[in-house]
Amino acid sequence: MEPFVQPRPVALLPAGRVVELPGRGATFVRELRSGPLRRPTVVLLHGWAATADLNWALAYAALGPHFDVVALDHRGHGRGIRTEDRFTLEACADDVAALVHELGAGPVVVVGYSMGGPVAQLVWRRHPGLVSGLVLCATAARFCDSPRDRAVFAAARGAAVVARSRPTRMAGQAVTSAVVRRRDLPAPLSGRVAEHDWARVFEAALALGGFDSRRWLRHLDVPVAVITTLSDRVVPTDRQLNMAGSLHPVSHSILPGGHGVCLRTGSGFTTALVRACRAVHTAATSVPAPTTTVTAAAAA
């Protein structure tokens, strides 16, 4: 996997707070709001083994002039909900719905990156009245359909068993050290990786391995935009394109680079993200616009 470029300085992150979700637990939330004037709200859902800030550090400021922005840490990740329950993507989707209710923010545009993509899809499926549109980034409708995938997810199953049966501090520190060295992350952000509940994080990988929305995602009835990463070895590009081809997106940006484009300055990701969110919001509130595809060259 390609190294990550250092994100925008931590000082520019929006205000954050812990929000109690009734009957579910407490999670950490970033909020960027305009004040008394109501603007459309975008909810950002991060990828596997990341946190809201690791995934969206560059996106907050780009989206802020156009939308109210909310981002949360998923359960077991960073400062997300802590529970002994086994991790499921459905529970994450219900966490998002509970947060939208708690903030009085719906309906919202839900943006999912990598693992956040299945969570976003499930928010729409399980809580359709809360969702005005979706933006699906570097993600797919299915994550396990090759021998290599099956081997990876089998390893995750073993790791989850170990993490549930023994203290996870040493394993978490080892993984954290590898992530920090590889991604050159500033300490305030990388330190949140050390807070992961690794048993739940490995269970999240198992949940991804079993996810397949192809049967029901084609019935999506809200506007959707797609951002595809052209050289992605984590979520292969062909899977991303197959999903996009089944959805008739109102905006489809195809970016050069791999799975880490969301944290690469100059990658074109934040520009594509703003374009996608605006296209979805416009389509949700007016006559749908024609689909536009932005090629790698145009997006650069």
Protein backbone atom coordinates (compact mmCIF):
# COMPACT_ATOMS: atom_id res chain seq x y z
CA MET A 1 0.00 0.00 0.00
CA GLU A 2 1.29 3.46 -0.83
CA PRO A 3 2.51 5.71 2.00
CA PHE A 4 0.19 8.46 3.11
CA VAL A 5 1.21 12.08 2.83
CA GLN A 6 0.94 13.99 6.11
CA PRO A 7 -2.58 15.42 6.53
CA ARG A 8 -3.51 19.03 7.11
CA PRO A 9 -2.28 20.30 10.52
CA VAL A 10 -4.38 19.09 13.43
CA ALA A 11 -5.02 22.66 14.59
CA LEU A 12 -7.40 23.12 11.65
CA LEU A 13 -9.68 20.26 12.66
CA PRO A 14 -13.25 21.30 13.55
CA ALA A 15 -14.48 21.23 17.12
CA GLY A 16 -15.10 17.78 18.53
CA ARG A 17 -17.14 16.39 21.39
CA VAL A 18 -18.38 13.13 22.84
CA VAL A 19 -22.05 12.46 22.04
CA GLU A 20 -24.13 9.95 23.97
CA LEU A 21 -26.38 7.92 21.71
CA PRO A 22 -29.30 6.68 23.82
CA GLY A 23 -29.14 2.97 24.43
CA ARG A 24 -26.02 2.57 22.29
CA GLY A 25 -23.07 4.30 23.94
CA ALA A 26 -20.87 7.34 23.52
CA THR A 27 -18.89 8.23 20.42
CA PHE A 28 -16.58 11.05 19.38
CA VAL A 29 -17.99 13.46 16.79
CA ARG A 30 -16.50 16.33 14.78
CA GLU A 31 -18.93 19.09 13.85
CA LEU A 32 -18.52 22.01 11.47
CA ARG A 33 -21.67 24.13 11.53
CA SER A 34 -22.59 27.52 10.14
CA GLY A 35 -24.57 28.80 13.10
CA PRO A 36 -28.27 29.67 13.10
CA LEU A 37 -28.69 29.42 9.31
CA ARG A 38 -29.57 25.85 8.35
CA ARG A 39 -27.48 24.34 5.58
CA PRO A 40 -27.57 20.81 4.18
CA THR A 41 -25.63 18.38 6.35
CA VAL A 42 -22.99 15.93 5.15
CA VAL A 43 -22.14 12.97 7.40
CA LEU A 44 -18.68 11.50 6.82
CA LEU A 45 -18.03 7.80 7.49
CA HIS A 46 -14.41 6.64 7.64
CA GLY A 47 -12.77 3.45 6.44
CA TRP A 48 -11.54 0.33 8.19
CA ALA A 49 -8.91 0.76 10.94
CA ALA A 50 -9.02 4.55 10.51
CA THR A 51 -10.78 7.30 12.44
CA ALA A 52 -12.83 10.29 11.34
CA ASP A 53 -9.78 12.54 11.49
CA LEU A 54 -7.41 10.14 9.75
CA ASN A 55 -9.83 9.76 6.86
CA TRP A 56 -11.22 13.28 6.58
CA ALA A 57 -8.50 15.66 7.85
CA LEU A 58 -8.24 17.37 4.45
CA ALA A 59 -11.96 17.28 3.71
CA TYR A 60 -13.36 19.30 6.62
CA ALA A 61 -12.17 22.69 5.40
CA ALA A 62 -13.06 21.93 1.77
CA LEU A 63 -16.66 21.01 2.62
CA GLY A 64 -17.15 23.71 5.27
CA PRO A 65 -18.03 26.60 2.92
CA HIS A 66 -20.85 24.57 1.39
CA PHE A 67 -22.28 22.26 4.06
CA ASP A 68 -22.63 21.58 7.73
CA VAL A 69 -20.28 18.66 8.35
CA VAL A 70 -20.51 15.82 10.87
CA ALA A 71 -18.01 12.97 11.24
CA LEU A 72 -17.89 10.22 13.85
CA ASP A 73 -15.55 7.44 14.89
CA HIS A 74 -17.14 4.06 14.23
CA ARG A 75 -17.59 1.64 17.09
CA GLY A 76 -14.31 0.08 18.16
CA HIS A 77 -12.31 2.63 16.16
CA GLY A 78 -10.51 5.57 17.79
CA ARG A 79 -12.91 7.11 20.28
CA GLY A 80 -15.97 5.32 18.94
CA ILE A 81 -18.55 3.34 20.91
CA ARG A 82 -17.11 0.68 23.20
CA THR A 83 -19.12 -2.50 23.56
CA GLU A 84 -18.62 -6.23 24.10
CA ASP A 85 -21.06 -6.91 21.27
CA ARG A 86 -19.59 -8.35 18.10
CA PHE A 87 -18.96 -5.71 15.44
CA THR A 88 -21.49 -5.51 12.62
CA LEU A 89 -21.87 -3.03 9.80
CA GLU A 90 -25.59 -2.89 10.57
CA ALA A 91 -24.84 -1.68 14.11
CA CYS A 92 -22.62 1.04 12.66
CA ALA A 93 -25.44 2.14 10.35
CA ASP A 94 -27.79 2.31 13.32
CA ASP A 95 -25.19 4.36 15.23
CA VAL A 96 -25.18 6.86 12.37
CA ALA A 97 -28.97 7.04 12.37
CA ALA A 98 -29.00 7.57 16.14
CA LEU A 99 -26.47 10.38 15.79
CA VAL A 100 -28.51 12.10 13.05
CA HIS A 101 -31.58 11.90 15.30
CA GLU A 102 -29.63 13.21 18.29
CA LEU A 103 -28.32 16.19 16.30
CA GLY A 104 -31.67 16.85 14.59
CA ALA A 105 -29.79 16.98 11.30
CA GLY A 106 -31.75 14.80 8.87
CA PRO A 107 -32.20 14.17 6.08
CA VAL A 108 -28.48 14.14 5.31
CA VAL A 109 -26.03 13.32 2.55
CA VAL A 110 -24.10 10.29 3.77
CA VAL A 111 -20.51 9.96 2.52
CA GLY A 112 -18.73 6.63 2.94
CA TYR A 113 -15.07 5.88 2.24
CA SER A 114 -13.96 2.24 1.87
CA MET A 115 -15.67 0.46 4.85
CA GLY A 116 -17.73 3.62 5.27
CA GLY A 117 -19.32 2.80 1.90
CA PRO A 118 -21.14 -0.32 3.12
CA VAL A 119 -22.14 1.55 6.28
CA ALA A 120 -23.57 4.38 4.15
CA GLN A 121 -25.46 1.90 1.99
CA LEU A 122 -26.94 0.29 5.09
CA VAL A 123 -27.95 3.64 6.56
CA TRP A 124 -30.07 4.18 3.45
CA ARG A 125 -31.46 0.64 3.52
CA ARG A 126 -32.32 0.62 7.25
CA HIS A 127 -33.21 4.30 7.76
CA PRO A 128 -34.31 5.65 4.36
CA GLY A 129 -36.10 8.68 5.78
CA LEU A 130 -32.82 10.07 7.13
CA VAL A 131 -30.92 9.95 3.84
CA SER A 132 -31.23 12.49 1.03
CA GLY A 133 -28.34 11.03 -0.97
CA LEU A 134 -25.13 9.01 -0.91
CA VAL A 135 -21.53 9.63 -1.92
CA LEU A 136 -19.53 6.39 -2.20
CA CYS A 137 -15.74 6.74 -2.29
CA ALA A 138 -13.10 4.05 -2.94
CA THR A 139 -15.65 1.40 -2.06
CA ALA A 140 -17.71 -1.41 -3.52
CA ALA A 141 -20.86 -3.50 -3.22
CA ARG A 142 -18.82 -6.63 -2.43
CA PHE A 143 -15.37 -7.07 -0.87
CA CYS A 144 -14.64 -10.79 -1.05
CA ASP A 145 -14.73 -12.58 -4.39
CA SER A 146 -11.24 -13.97 -5.02
CA PRO A 147 -8.89 -16.51 -3.41
CA ARG A 148 -6.67 -13.67 -2.19
CA ASP A 149 -9.64 -11.98 -0.52
CA ARG A 150 -10.69 -15.19 1.18
CA ALA A 151 -7.17 -15.65 2.54
CA VAL A 152 -7.09 -12.09 3.87
CA PHE A 153 -10.44 -12.38 5.59
CA ALA A 154 -9.52 -15.80 7.01
CA ALA A 155 -6.48 -14.16 8.60
CA ALA A 156 -8.72 -11.47 10.02
CA ARG A 157 -10.91 -14.16 11.58
CA GLY A 158 -7.89 -15.62 13.36
CA ALA A 159 -6.74 -12.19 14.50
CA ALA A 160 -10.20 -11.43 15.88
CA VAL A 161 -10.21 -14.66 17.88
CA VAL A 162 -6.80 -13.86 19.37
CA ALA A 163 -7.77 -10.27 20.14
CA ARG A 164 -10.94 -11.40 21.91
CA SER A 165 -9.19 -14.05 23.98
CA ARG A 166 -6.10 -12.11 25.15
CA PRO A 167 -5.29 -8.53 26.13
CA THR A 168 -4.91 -6.49 22.96
CA ARG A 169 -2.61 -3.71 24.14
CA MET A 170 0.63 -5.21 22.77
CA ALA A 171 -0.97 -6.16 19.45
CA GLY A 172 -2.50 -2.71 19.14
CA GLN A 173 0.79 -1.01 19.86
CA ALA A 174 2.57 -3.14 17.26
CA VAL A 175 0.01 -2.37 14.57
CA THR A 176 -0.02 1.30 15.55
CA SER A 177 3.75 1.56 15.24
CA ALA A 178 3.61 0.04 11.75
CA VAL A 179 0.83 2.42 10.69
CA VAL A 180 2.64 5.48 12.03
CA ARG A 181 5.92 4.57 10.33
CA ARG A 182 4.22 3.86 7.02
CA ARG A 183 1.96 6.90 6.92
CA ASP A 184 4.12 9.55 8.57
CA LEU A 185 1.15 10.68 10.63
CA PRO A 186 1.31 13.52 13.16
CA ALA A 187 1.22 12.26 16.74
CA PRO A 188 -2.21 13.71 17.67
CA LEU A 189 -3.80 11.74 14.81
CA SER A 190 -1.76 8.55 15.01
CA GLY A 191 -2.37 8.39 18.75
CA ARG A 192 -6.06 7.81 18.07
CA VAL A 193 -5.18 4.62 16.20
CA ALA A 194 -3.64 3.36 19.43
CA GLU A 195 -7.07 3.73 21.04
CA HIS A 196 -8.68 1.17 18.74
CA ASP A 197 -10.40 -1.83 20.25
CA TRP A 198 -8.55 -4.26 18.01
CA ALA A 199 -10.94 -7.14 18.60
CA ARG A 200 -13.74 -5.02 17.10
CA VAL A 201 -11.48 -3.72 14.32
CA PHE A 202 -10.62 -7.26 13.21
CA GLU A 203 -14.29 -8.17 13.50
CA ALA A 204 -15.00 -5.22 11.21
CA ALA A 205 -12.74 -6.84 8.59
CA LEU A 206 -14.78 -10.03 8.93
CA ALA A 207 -17.98 -8.04 8.47
CA LEU A 208 -16.59 -6.50 5.30
CA GLY A 209 -15.71 -9.94 4.00
CA GLY A 210 -19.34 -11.00 4.30
CA PHE A 211 -20.87 -7.83 2.87
CA ASP A 212 -22.68 -8.03 -0.47
CA SER A 213 -25.24 -5.37 -1.41
CA ARG A 214 -25.51 -6.15 -5.13
CA ARG A 215 -28.98 -7.66 -4.80
CA TRP A 216 -30.56 -4.63 -3.10
CA LEU A 217 -28.33 -1.67 -3.92
CA ARG A 218 -29.69 -1.54 -7.46
CA HIS A 219 -32.99 -0.39 -5.92
CA LEU A 220 -31.38 2.77 -4.52
CA ASP A 221 -33.95 5.57 -4.76
CA VAL A 222 -31.88 8.60 -3.72
CA PRO A 223 -29.20 10.43 -5.74
CA VAL A 224 -25.75 8.89 -5.53
CA ALA A 225 -22.29 10.07 -6.54
CA VAL A 226 -19.20 7.89 -6.85
CA ILE A 227 -15.49 8.62 -6.47
CA THR A 228 -13.32 5.86 -7.93
CA THR A 229 -9.61 5.42 -7.23
CA LEU A 230 -7.80 4.33 -10.36
CA SER A 231 -4.83 2.40 -8.89
CA ASP A 232 -6.45 0.91 -5.81
CA ARG A 233 -5.14 -2.42 -4.56
CA VAL A 234 -7.20 -2.41 -1.36
CA VAL A 235 -10.60 -2.09 -3.03
CA PRO A 236 -9.78 -3.04 -6.62
CA THR A 237 -10.81 -0.49 -9.20
CA ASP A 238 -12.86 -2.96 -11.22
CA ARG A 239 -15.13 -3.57 -8.22
CA GLN A 240 -15.59 0.15 -7.75
CA LEU A 241 -16.45 0.57 -11.44
CA ASN A 242 -18.88 -2.36 -11.35
CA MET A 243 -20.73 -0.72 -8.47
CA ALA A 244 -20.80 2.65 -10.24
CA GLY A 245 -22.10 1.02 -13.41
CA SER A 246 -25.10 -0.36 -11.55
CA LEU A 247 -26.08 2.94 -9.89
CA HIS A 248 -26.40 5.67 -12.56
CA PRO A 249 -24.56 8.24 -10.41
CA VAL A 250 -25.24 11.96 -10.81
CA SER A 251 -21.47 12.51 -10.55
CA HIS A 252 -18.62 10.07 -11.06
CA SER A 253 -15.03 11.19 -10.51
CA ILE A 254 -12.17 8.85 -11.40
CA LEU A 255 -8.98 9.84 -9.61
CA PRO A 256 -5.40 8.72 -10.15
CA GLY A 257 -3.78 7.13 -7.14
CA GLY A 258 -4.51 4.35 -4.70
CA HIS A 259 -6.59 3.84 -1.60
CA GLY A 260 -4.94 6.69 0.29
CA VAL A 261 -5.97 9.56 -2.00
CA CYS A 262 -8.15 11.02 0.73
CA LEU A 263 -5.01 12.02 2.64
CA ARG A 264 -2.83 13.07 -0.27
CA THR A 265 -2.65 16.81 -0.83
CA GLY A 266 -3.00 17.63 -4.50
CA SER A 267 -4.70 14.31 -5.30
CA GLY A 268 -7.91 16.01 -6.41
CA PHE A 269 -9.91 14.13 -3.82
CA THR A 270 -11.30 17.09 -1.88
CA THR A 271 -12.32 18.84 -5.11
CA ALA A 272 -14.07 15.69 -6.28
CA LEU A 273 -15.73 15.25 -2.90
CA VAL A 274 -17.18 18.75 -2.86
CA ARG A 275 -18.37 18.29 -6.45
CA ALA A 276 -20.01 14.98 -5.57
CA CYS A 277 -21.77 16.30 -2.47
CA ARG A 278 -23.07 19.35 -4.29
CA ALA A 279 -24.31 17.22 -7.21
CA VAL A 280 -26.14 14.86 -4.86
CA HIS A 281 -27.71 17.70 -2.89
CA THR A 282 -28.79 19.47 -6.08
CA ALA A 283 -30.31 16.28 -7.47
CA ALA A 284 -32.10 15.61 -4.19
CA THR A 285 -33.74 19.04 -4.16
CA SER A 286 -34.44 19.61 -7.86
CA VAL A 287 -34.75 17.88 -11.21
CA PRO A 288 -31.82 15.41 -11.44
CA ALA A 289 -28.86 16.66 -13.47
CA PRO A 290 -27.25 14.51 -16.19
CA THR A 291 -24.48 12.20 -15.05
CA THR A 292 -20.98 13.64 -15.40
CA THR A 293 -17.82 11.58 -15.44
CA VAL A 294 -14.54 13.23 -14.59
CA THR A 295 -11.53 11.40 -15.94
CA ALA A 296 -8.24 11.06 -14.13
CA ALA A 297 -6.67 13.74 -16.28
CA ALA A 298 -9.47 16.22 -15.70
CA ALA A 299 -9.55 15.58 -11.98
CA ALA A 300 -5.82 16.01 -11.48
